[in-house]
Amino acid sequence: MGTGRTVRAEARFDELCRTLSDDANYKVRLQIAIVLGKLRDQRAVSCLTEALGDSNHAVRAMAATSLGQIGDTRAIPALQALRKSDSDSFVRGNVDKALGLLASGSAIGGGPAHAGAHLYVTFGPFSGGTKSAGPDLVKTVRDTLAKEMGKAPALALALAPGDDKNYQKQGLMGFYVDGNVTRLDETSAGASLEVSCAIKVMVARWPSKSLISWTSAEASLQSGSRPKDRENAHRDCLEATAGQLAEDLAKFFKAQGG
């Protein structure tokens, strides 16, 4: 009997996330974002994070609010990126409140985002790379790096609003990570395509941005030739490459006391 209830609950949860992603009516998507926040279920982090890119500002704002309520610090990199990129003041205000909850540990299920941290790391725009990597793919690179690096307890990737300017008073060393996609190519390989990509990343002091080091990585994979296959392959290649770079960066920051 208990297993049946679990299966039904899982199915309902998956349906809510699909509706949040696919429903054409923004009012429906908005209500789902509210419901997911009230459920306080960490399974919602993934679909609410995707909803931060919704075309409607109210949905983006509520997705941010719900992520703050859930309290899972995995949402910090995406929220931090949205705070920098979104032009809507209402969205940015909700993002600040959500980050404040996550940083203070006030949200259910969350602890201080920088508890035990020694290093504060902020990210640049990752602009100026190859034109074949559009804004969405650049965001994929930044989000992947931030997600993987965010697993290190000694790194603080987001602080409460205002604290990002006073991080030194909290005993944190500041670093700046930026770079770009230097290559994103595809070549025919029979009935399929071979996609290759490369990313270059720098580490600098923050806020001076004085360069400390550079690192780079590349990857390649096979893909179908359909448009959706190509799109997925581009994203998968960059995610794999960013994952490699995150490992290199983790080693670097560990040597810095992280």
C-alpha atoms as a PDB file:
ATOM      1  CA  MET A   1       0.000   0.000   0.000  1.00  0.00           C
ATOM      2  CA  GLY A   2       2.787   2.423   0.878  1.00  0.00           C
ATOM      3  CA  THR A   3       4.537   1.747  -2.422  1.00  0.00           C
ATOM      4  CA  GLY A   4       1.370   2.590  -4.353  1.00  0.00           C
ATOM      5  CA  ARG A   5       1.062   5.932  -2.618  1.00  0.00           C
ATOM      6  CA  THR A   6       4.704   6.678  -3.381  1.00  0.00           C
ATOM      7  CA  VAL A   7       4.260   5.906  -7.064  1.00  0.00           C
ATOM      8  CA  ARG A   8       1.171   8.111  -7.282  1.00  0.00           C
ATOM      9  CA  ALA A   9       2.977  10.939  -5.492  1.00  0.00           C
ATOM     10  CA  GLU A  10       5.922  10.637  -7.879  1.00  0.00           C
ATOM     11  CA  ALA A  11       3.578  10.714 -10.883  1.00  0.00           C
ATOM     12  CA  ARG A  12       1.809  13.816  -9.546  1.00  0.00           C
ATOM     13  CA  PHE A  13       5.112  15.543  -8.896  1.00  0.00           C
ATOM     14  CA  ASP A  14       6.367  14.774 -12.420  1.00  0.00           C
ATOM     15  CA  GLU A  15       3.095  16.090 -13.840  1.00  0.00           C
ATOM     16  CA  LEU A  16       3.508  19.377 -11.959  1.00  0.00           C
ATOM     17  CA  CYS A  17       7.004  19.840 -13.362  1.00  0.00           C
ATOM     18  CA  ARG A  18       5.846  19.055 -16.913  1.00  0.00           C
ATOM     19  CA  THR A  19       3.037  21.581 -16.576  1.00  0.00           C
ATOM     20  CA  LEU A  20       5.445  24.218 -15.302  1.00  0.00           C
ATOM     21  CA  SER A  21       7.630  23.633 -18.334  1.00  0.00           C
ATOM     22  CA  ASP A  22       5.063  23.102 -21.096  1.00  0.00           C
ATOM     23  CA  ASP A  23       1.736  24.823 -20.349  1.00  0.00           C
ATOM     24  CA  ALA A  24       1.047  27.696 -22.748  1.00  0.00           C
ATOM     25  CA  ASN A  25      -0.841  29.736 -20.127  1.00  0.00           C
ATOM     26  CA  TYR A  26       1.553  31.706 -17.930  1.00  0.00           C
ATOM     27  CA  LYS A  27      -1.086  31.898 -15.159  1.00  0.00           C
ATOM     28  CA  VAL A  28      -1.073  28.104 -14.923  1.00  0.00           C
ATOM     29  CA  ARG A  29       2.750  28.038 -14.850  1.00  0.00           C
ATOM     30  CA  LEU A  30       2.693  30.706 -12.141  1.00  0.00           C
ATOM     31  CA  GLN A  31       0.340  28.653  -9.962  1.00  0.00           C
ATOM     32  CA  ILE A  32       2.505  25.561 -10.369  1.00  0.00           C
ATOM     33  CA  ALA A  33       5.597  27.522  -9.311  1.00  0.00           C
ATOM     34  CA  ILE A  34       3.710  28.632  -6.181  1.00  0.00           C
ATOM     35  CA  VAL A  35       2.574  25.073  -5.401  1.00  0.00           C
ATOM     36  CA  LEU A  36       6.074  23.641  -5.799  1.00  0.00           C
ATOM     37  CA  GLY A  37       7.440  26.194  -3.367  1.00  0.00           C
ATOM     38  CA  LYS A  38       4.801  25.313  -0.773  1.00  0.00           C
ATOM     39  CA  LEU A  39       5.598  21.602  -1.108  1.00  0.00           C
ATOM     40  CA  ARG A  40       9.167  22.309   0.081  1.00  0.00           C
ATOM     41  CA  ASP A  41      10.350  19.265  -1.895  1.00  0.00           C
ATOM     42  CA  GLN A  42      13.938  19.302  -3.124  1.00  0.00           C
ATOM     43  CA  ARG A  43      12.901  17.320  -6.206  1.00  0.00           C
ATOM     44  CA  ALA A  44      11.424  20.589  -7.489  1.00  0.00           C
ATOM     45  CA  VAL A  45      14.818  22.320  -7.657  1.00  0.00           C
ATOM     46  CA  SER A  46      15.526  21.123 -11.194  1.00  0.00           C
ATOM     47  CA  CYS A  47      12.252  22.214 -12.812  1.00  0.00           C
ATOM     48  CA  LEU A  48      12.080  25.462 -10.834  1.00  0.00           C
ATOM     49  CA  THR A  49      15.624  26.253 -11.942  1.00  0.00           C
ATOM     50  CA  GLU A  50      14.538  25.751 -15.550  1.00  0.00           C
ATOM     51  CA  ALA A  51      11.575  28.056 -14.879  1.00  0.00           C
ATOM     52  CA  LEU A  52      14.027  30.858 -14.068  1.00  0.00           C
ATOM     53  CA  GLY A  53      14.282  31.148 -17.857  1.00  0.00           C
ATOM     54  CA  ASP A  54      10.509  31.399 -18.389  1.00  0.00           C
ATOM     55  CA  SER A  55       9.332  34.008 -20.903  1.00  0.00           C
ATOM     56  CA  ASN A  56       7.018  35.558 -18.292  1.00  0.00           C
ATOM     57  CA  HIS A  57       8.589  37.724 -15.596  1.00  0.00           C
ATOM     58  CA  ALA A  58       6.055  36.740 -12.931  1.00  0.00           C
ATOM     59  CA  VAL A  59       6.832  33.048 -13.420  1.00  0.00           C
ATOM     60  CA  ARG A  60      10.574  33.736 -13.213  1.00  0.00           C
ATOM     61  CA  ALA A  61      10.073  35.722 -10.021  1.00  0.00           C
ATOM     62  CA  MET A  62       7.912  33.050  -8.383  1.00  0.00           C
ATOM     63  CA  ALA A  63      10.326  30.293  -9.387  1.00  0.00           C
ATOM     64  CA  ALA A  64      13.056  32.228  -7.604  1.00  0.00           C
ATOM     65  CA  THR A  65      10.867  32.689  -4.530  1.00  0.00           C
ATOM     66  CA  SER A  66      10.036  28.985  -4.404  1.00  0.00           C
ATOM     67  CA  LEU A  67      13.691  28.019  -4.705  1.00  0.00           C
ATOM     68  CA  GLY A  68      14.418  30.220  -1.723  1.00  0.00           C
ATOM     69  CA  GLN A  69      11.606  28.575   0.226  1.00  0.00           C
ATOM     70  CA  ILE A  70      12.858  25.064  -0.555  1.00  0.00           C
ATOM     71  CA  GLY A  71      16.298  25.987   0.740  1.00  0.00           C
ATOM     72  CA  ASP A  72      18.485  23.762  -1.435  1.00  0.00           C
ATOM     73  CA  THR A  73      21.763  25.585  -2.070  1.00  0.00           C
ATOM     74  CA  ARG A  74      22.165  23.849  -5.446  1.00  0.00           C
ATOM     75  CA  ALA A  75      19.913  26.636  -6.759  1.00  0.00           C
ATOM     76  CA  ILE A  76      22.378  29.391  -5.850  1.00  0.00           C
ATOM     77  CA  PRO A  77      24.412  29.455  -9.109  1.00  0.00           C
ATOM     78  CA  ALA A  78      21.305  29.752 -11.298  1.00  0.00           C
ATOM     79  CA  LEU A  79      19.799  32.428  -9.055  1.00  0.00           C
ATOM     80  CA  GLN A  80      23.039  34.362  -9.013  1.00  0.00           C
ATOM     81  CA  ALA A  81      23.221  34.220 -12.809  1.00  0.00           C
ATOM     82  CA  LEU A  82      19.624  35.430 -13.127  1.00  0.00           C
ATOM     83  CA  ARG A  83      20.269  38.346 -10.772  1.00  0.00           C
ATOM     84  CA  LYS A  84      23.020  39.519 -13.123  1.00  0.00           C
ATOM     85  CA  SER A  85      21.167  38.941 -16.406  1.00  0.00           C
ATOM     86  CA  ASP A  86      17.482  39.768 -15.829  1.00  0.00           C
ATOM     87  CA  SER A  87      16.432  43.350 -16.579  1.00  0.00           C
ATOM     88  CA  ASP A  88      13.163  43.114 -14.631  1.00  0.00           C
ATOM     89  CA  SER A  89      13.409  44.773 -11.217  1.00  0.00           C
ATOM     90  CA  PHE A  90      10.615  42.607  -9.753  1.00  0.00           C
ATOM     91  CA  VAL A  91      12.477  39.435 -10.756  1.00  0.00           C
ATOM     92  CA  ARG A  92      15.764  40.716  -9.367  1.00  0.00           C
ATOM     93  CA  GLY A  93      14.074  41.655  -6.091  1.00  0.00           C
ATOM     94  CA  ASN A  94      12.675  38.163  -5.667  1.00  0.00           C
ATOM     95  CA  VAL A  95      16.048  36.660  -6.546  1.00  0.00           C
ATOM     96  CA  ASP A  96      17.731  38.790  -3.873  1.00  0.00           C
ATOM     97  CA  LYS A  97      15.222  37.603  -1.270  1.00  0.00           C
ATOM     98  CA  ALA A  98      15.737  33.974  -2.301  1.00  0.00           C
ATOM     99  CA  LEU A  99      19.519  34.292  -2.131  1.00  0.00           C
ATOM    100  CA  GLY A 100      19.171  35.963   1.233  1.00  0.00           C
ATOM    101  CA  LEU A 101      17.204  32.972   2.540  1.00  0.00           C
ATOM    102  CA  LEU A 102      19.721  30.516   1.147  1.00  0.00           C
ATOM    103  CA  ALA A 103      22.685  32.444   2.497  1.00  0.00           C
ATOM    104  CA  SER A 104      21.210  32.890   5.970  1.00  0.00           C
ATOM    105  CA  GLY A 105      19.875  29.372   6.286  1.00  0.00           C
ATOM    106  CA  SER A 106      16.376  30.681   7.060  1.00  0.00           C
ATOM    107  CA  ALA A 107      14.718  28.488   4.449  1.00  0.00           C
ATOM    108  CA  ILE A 108      13.520  25.003   5.295  1.00  0.00           C
ATOM    109  CA  GLY A 109      16.152  22.407   4.512  1.00  0.00           C
ATOM    110  CA  GLY A 110      18.926  24.937   4.013  1.00  0.00           C
ATOM    111  CA  GLY A 111      22.049  25.845   5.929  1.00  0.00           C
ATOM    112  CA  PRO A 112      24.199  28.926   5.472  1.00  0.00           C
ATOM    113  CA  ALA A 113      25.393  28.970   1.875  1.00  0.00           C
ATOM    114  CA  HIS A 114      28.868  29.953   3.014  1.00  0.00           C
ATOM    115  CA  ALA A 115      29.075  28.104   6.314  1.00  0.00           C
ATOM    116  CA  GLY A 116      32.647  26.891   6.638  1.00  0.00           C
ATOM    117  CA  ALA A 117      33.660  28.652   3.432  1.00  0.00           C
ATOM    118  CA  HIS A 118      37.098  30.221   3.084  1.00  0.00           C
ATOM    119  CA  LEU A 119      36.875  31.491  -0.488  1.00  0.00           C
ATOM    120  CA  TYR A 120      34.329  33.675  -2.272  1.00  0.00           C
ATOM    121  CA  VAL A 121      34.103  32.979  -6.021  1.00  0.00           C
ATOM    122  CA  THR A 122      32.164  35.132  -8.474  1.00  0.00           C
ATOM    123  CA  PHE A 123      31.710  34.524 -12.198  1.00  0.00           C
ATOM    124  CA  GLY A 124      32.168  36.749 -15.228  1.00  0.00           C
ATOM    125  CA  PRO A 125      29.910  36.827 -18.335  1.00  0.00           C
ATOM    126  CA  PHE A 126      31.916  34.257 -20.355  1.00  0.00           C
ATOM    127  CA  SER A 127      31.409  36.456 -23.425  1.00  0.00           C
ATOM    128  CA  GLY A 128      33.540  37.024 -26.507  1.00  0.00           C
ATOM    129  CA  GLY A 129      33.899  33.410 -27.568  1.00  0.00           C
ATOM    130  CA  THR A 130      32.964  31.680 -30.789  1.00  0.00           C
ATOM    131  CA  LYS A 131      29.709  32.898 -32.343  1.00  0.00           C
ATOM    132  CA  SER A 132      28.467  29.329 -32.712  1.00  0.00           C
ATOM    133  CA  ALA A 133      27.923  29.257 -28.932  1.00  0.00           C
ATOM    134  CA  GLY A 134      24.917  31.481 -28.300  1.00  0.00           C
ATOM    135  CA  PRO A 135      23.751  32.941 -24.971  1.00  0.00           C
ATOM    136  CA  ASP A 136      21.927  29.759 -23.914  1.00  0.00           C
ATOM    137  CA  LEU A 137      25.019  27.604 -24.410  1.00  0.00           C
ATOM    138  CA  VAL A 138      27.217  30.142 -22.629  1.00  0.00           C
ATOM    139  CA  LYS A 139      24.763  29.984 -19.730  1.00  0.00           C
ATOM    140  CA  THR A 140      25.097  26.187 -19.787  1.00  0.00           C
ATOM    141  CA  VAL A 141      28.857  26.540 -19.337  1.00  0.00           C
ATOM    142  CA  ARG A 142      28.549  28.993 -16.437  1.00  0.00           C
ATOM    143  CA  ASP A 143      25.822  26.986 -14.725  1.00  0.00           C
ATOM    144  CA  THR A 144      27.736  23.717 -15.032  1.00  0.00           C
ATOM    145  CA  LEU A 145      30.899  25.246 -13.603  1.00  0.00           C
ATOM    146  CA  ALA A 146      28.987  26.847 -10.754  1.00  0.00           C
ATOM    147  CA  LYS A 147      27.002  23.683 -10.007  1.00  0.00           C
ATOM    148  CA  GLU A 148      30.095  21.488  -9.811  1.00  0.00           C
ATOM    149  CA  MET A 149      32.193  24.009  -7.916  1.00  0.00           C
ATOM    150  CA  GLY A 150      29.305  24.645  -5.549  1.00  0.00           C
ATOM    151  CA  LYS A 151      29.731  21.112  -4.200  1.00  0.00           C
ATOM    152  CA  ALA A 152      32.923  22.221  -2.425  1.00  0.00           C
ATOM    153  CA  PRO A 153      31.938  23.359   1.093  1.00  0.00           C
ATOM    154  CA  ALA A 154      34.877  25.758   1.271  1.00  0.00           C
ATOM    155  CA  LEU A 155      33.625  27.829  -1.685  1.00  0.00           C
ATOM    156  CA  ALA A 156      30.929  30.485  -1.367  1.00  0.00           C
ATOM    157  CA  LEU A 157      29.377  31.224  -4.766  1.00  0.00           C
ATOM    158  CA  ALA A 158      26.688  33.547  -3.447  1.00  0.00           C
ATOM    159  CA  LEU A 159      26.302  35.655  -0.350  1.00  0.00           C
ATOM    160  CA  ALA A 160      23.402  37.515   1.152  1.00  0.00           C
ATOM    161  CA  PRO A 161      22.582  40.760  -0.725  1.00  0.00           C
ATOM    162  CA  GLY A 162      25.193  43.357   0.162  1.00  0.00           C
ATOM    163  CA  ASP A 163      27.614  40.843   1.659  1.00  0.00           C
ATOM    164  CA  ASP A 164      29.238  40.294  -1.741  1.00  0.00           C
ATOM    165  CA  LYS A 165      30.891  43.691  -1.260  1.00  0.00           C
ATOM    166  CA  ASN A 166      31.937  42.943   2.313  1.00  0.00           C
ATOM    167  CA  TYR A 167      33.111  39.361   1.946  1.00  0.00           C
ATOM    168  CA  GLN A 168      36.595  40.215   3.278  1.00  0.00           C
ATOM    169  CA  LYS A 169      35.072  41.184   6.633  1.00  0.00           C
ATOM    170  CA  GLN A 170      33.799  37.611   6.831  1.00  0.00           C
ATOM    171  CA  GLY A 171      37.338  36.286   6.439  1.00  0.00           C
ATOM    172  CA  LEU A 172      36.873  35.183   2.815  1.00  0.00           C
ATOM    173  CA  MET A 173      39.426  35.448  -0.009  1.00  0.00           C
ATOM    174  CA  GLY A 174      37.884  36.670  -3.276  1.00  0.00           C
ATOM    175  CA  PHE A 175      38.358  35.133  -6.728  1.00  0.00           C
ATOM    176  CA  TYR A 176      36.924  35.833 -10.168  1.00  0.00           C
ATOM    177  CA  VAL A 177      36.321  33.130 -12.794  1.00  0.00           C
ATOM    178  CA  ASP A 178      35.695  34.038 -16.431  1.00  0.00           C
ATOM    179  CA  GLY A 179      36.432  32.670 -19.888  1.00  0.00           C
ATOM    180  CA  ASN A 180      34.726  31.723 -23.129  1.00  0.00           C
ATOM    181  CA  VAL A 181      33.870  28.941 -25.545  1.00  0.00           C
ATOM    182  CA  THR A 182      36.804  28.925 -27.940  1.00  0.00           C
ATOM    183  CA  ARG A 183      35.470  26.223 -30.263  1.00  0.00           C
ATOM    184  CA  LEU A 184      32.138  24.582 -31.076  1.00  0.00           C
ATOM    185  CA  ASP A 185      32.335  22.700 -34.388  1.00  0.00           C
ATOM    186  CA  GLU A 186      30.632  19.813 -36.088  1.00  0.00           C
ATOM    187  CA  THR A 187      31.745  17.599 -38.984  1.00  0.00           C
ATOM    188  CA  SER A 188      29.894  14.925 -40.933  1.00  0.00           C
ATOM    189  CA  ALA A 189      30.727  11.341 -40.017  1.00  0.00           C
ATOM    190  CA  GLY A 190      28.612   9.202 -42.324  1.00  0.00           C
ATOM    191  CA  ALA A 191      24.987   9.405 -41.237  1.00  0.00           C
ATOM    192  CA  SER A 192      25.960  11.138 -37.999  1.00  0.00           C
ATOM    193  CA  LEU A 193      27.859  14.201 -36.850  1.00  0.00           C
ATOM    194  CA  GLU A 194      30.936  14.609 -34.695  1.00  0.00           C
ATOM    195  CA  VAL A 195      30.651  17.593 -32.382  1.00  0.00           C
ATOM    196  CA  SER A 196      33.782  19.023 -30.782  1.00  0.00           C
ATOM    197  CA  CYS A 197      34.143  21.903 -28.345  1.00  0.00           C
ATOM    198  CA  ALA A 198      36.719  23.694 -26.228  1.00  0.00           C
ATOM    199  CA  ILE A 199      36.515  26.143 -23.329  1.00  0.00           C
ATOM    200  CA  LYS A 200      39.177  28.390 -21.840  1.00  0.00           C
ATOM    201  CA  VAL A 201      38.838  29.695 -18.298  1.00  0.00           C
ATOM    202  CA  MET A 202      40.833  32.166 -16.257  1.00  0.00           C
ATOM    203  CA  VAL A 203      41.104  32.691 -12.516  1.00  0.00           C
ATOM    204  CA  ALA A 204      41.832  36.159 -11.162  1.00  0.00           C
ATOM    205  CA  ARG A 205      41.798  37.972  -7.843  1.00  0.00           C
ATOM    206  CA  TRP A 206      38.556  39.688  -6.906  1.00  0.00           C
ATOM    207  CA  PRO A 207      37.795  42.544  -7.140  1.00  0.00           C
ATOM    208  CA  SER A 208      41.047  43.614  -8.832  1.00  0.00           C
ATOM    209  CA  LYS A 209      40.669  40.968 -11.593  1.00  0.00           C
ATOM    210  CA  SER A 210      44.446  40.533 -11.625  1.00  0.00           C
ATOM    211  CA  LEU A 211      45.132  37.334 -13.534  1.00  0.00           C
ATOM    212  CA  ILE A 212      46.418  34.294 -11.648  1.00  0.00           C
ATOM    213  CA  SER A 213      46.083  31.394 -14.085  1.00  0.00           C
ATOM    214  CA  TRP A 214      44.480  29.998 -17.223  1.00  0.00           C
ATOM    215  CA  THR A 215      43.179  26.503 -17.878  1.00  0.00           C
ATOM    216  CA  SER A 216      41.371  24.887 -20.803  1.00  0.00           C
ATOM    217  CA  ALA A 217      39.646  21.658 -21.765  1.00  0.00           C
ATOM    218  CA  GLU A 218      37.981  20.106 -24.798  1.00  0.00           C
ATOM    219  CA  ALA A 219      35.681  17.226 -25.672  1.00  0.00           C
ATOM    220  CA  SER A 220      34.029  15.557 -28.672  1.00  0.00           C
ATOM    221  CA  LEU A 221      31.085  13.230 -29.176  1.00  0.00           C
ATOM    222  CA  GLN A 222      28.949  11.599 -31.853  1.00  0.00           C
ATOM    223  CA  SER A 223      25.475  12.868 -32.626  1.00  0.00           C
ATOM    224  CA  GLY A 224      22.538  12.297 -34.933  1.00  0.00           C
ATOM    225  CA  SER A 225      21.998  14.847 -37.679  1.00  0.00           C
ATOM    226  CA  ARG A 226      18.486  15.932 -36.713  1.00  0.00           C
ATOM    227  CA  PRO A 227      18.238  19.504 -35.380  1.00  0.00           C
ATOM    228  CA  LYS A 228      17.261  18.356 -31.884  1.00  0.00           C
ATOM    229  CA  ASP A 229      20.130  15.843 -31.805  1.00  0.00           C
ATOM    230  CA  ARG A 230      22.577  18.574 -32.856  1.00  0.00           C
ATOM    231  CA  GLU A 231      21.238  20.950 -30.215  1.00  0.00           C
ATOM    232  CA  ASN A 232      21.543  18.326 -27.481  1.00  0.00           C
ATOM    233  CA  ALA A 233      25.037  17.342 -28.632  1.00  0.00           C
ATOM    234  CA  HIS A 234      26.265  20.942 -28.484  1.00  0.00           C
ATOM    235  CA  ARG A 235      24.956  21.268 -24.936  1.00  0.00           C
ATOM    236  CA  ASP A 236      26.288  17.859 -23.845  1.00  0.00           C
ATOM    237  CA  CYS A 237      29.735  18.600 -25.263  1.00  0.00           C
ATOM    238  CA  LEU A 238      29.976  21.899 -23.414  1.00  0.00           C
ATOM    239  CA  GLU A 239      28.649  20.389 -20.184  1.00  0.00           C
ATOM    240  CA  ALA A 240      31.273  17.634 -20.354  1.00  0.00           C
ATOM    241  CA  THR A 241      34.038  20.140 -21.021  1.00  0.00           C
ATOM    242  CA  ALA A 242      32.877  22.450 -18.241  1.00  0.00           C
ATOM    243  CA  GLY A 243      32.798  19.448 -15.915  1.00  0.00           C
ATOM    244  CA  GLN A 244      36.468  18.765 -16.671  1.00  0.00           C
ATOM    245  CA  LEU A 245      37.318  22.396 -16.008  1.00  0.00           C
ATOM    246  CA  ALA A 246      35.405  22.341 -12.727  1.00  0.00           C
ATOM    247  CA  GLU A 247      37.688  19.531 -11.546  1.00  0.00           C
ATOM    248  CA  ASP A 248      40.771  21.569 -12.460  1.00  0.00           C
ATOM    249  CA  LEU A 249      39.369  24.641 -10.718  1.00  0.00           C
ATOM    250  CA  ALA A 250      38.498  22.603  -7.630  1.00  0.00           C
ATOM    251  CA  LYS A 251      42.137  21.476  -7.383  1.00  0.00           C
ATOM    252  CA  PHE A 252      43.316  25.078  -7.802  1.00  0.00           C
ATOM    253  CA  PHE A 253      41.033  26.412  -5.087  1.00  0.00           C
ATOM    254  CA  LYS A 254      41.939  23.542  -2.776  1.00  0.00           C
ATOM    255  CA  ALA A 255      45.556  24.669  -3.081  1.00  0.00           C
ATOM    256  CA  GLN A 256      44.413  28.187  -2.132  1.00  0.00           C
ATOM    257  CA  GLY A 257      43.067  26.922   1.163  1.00  0.00           C
ATOM    258  CA  GLY A 258      39.700  25.712  -0.090  1.00  0.00           C
END
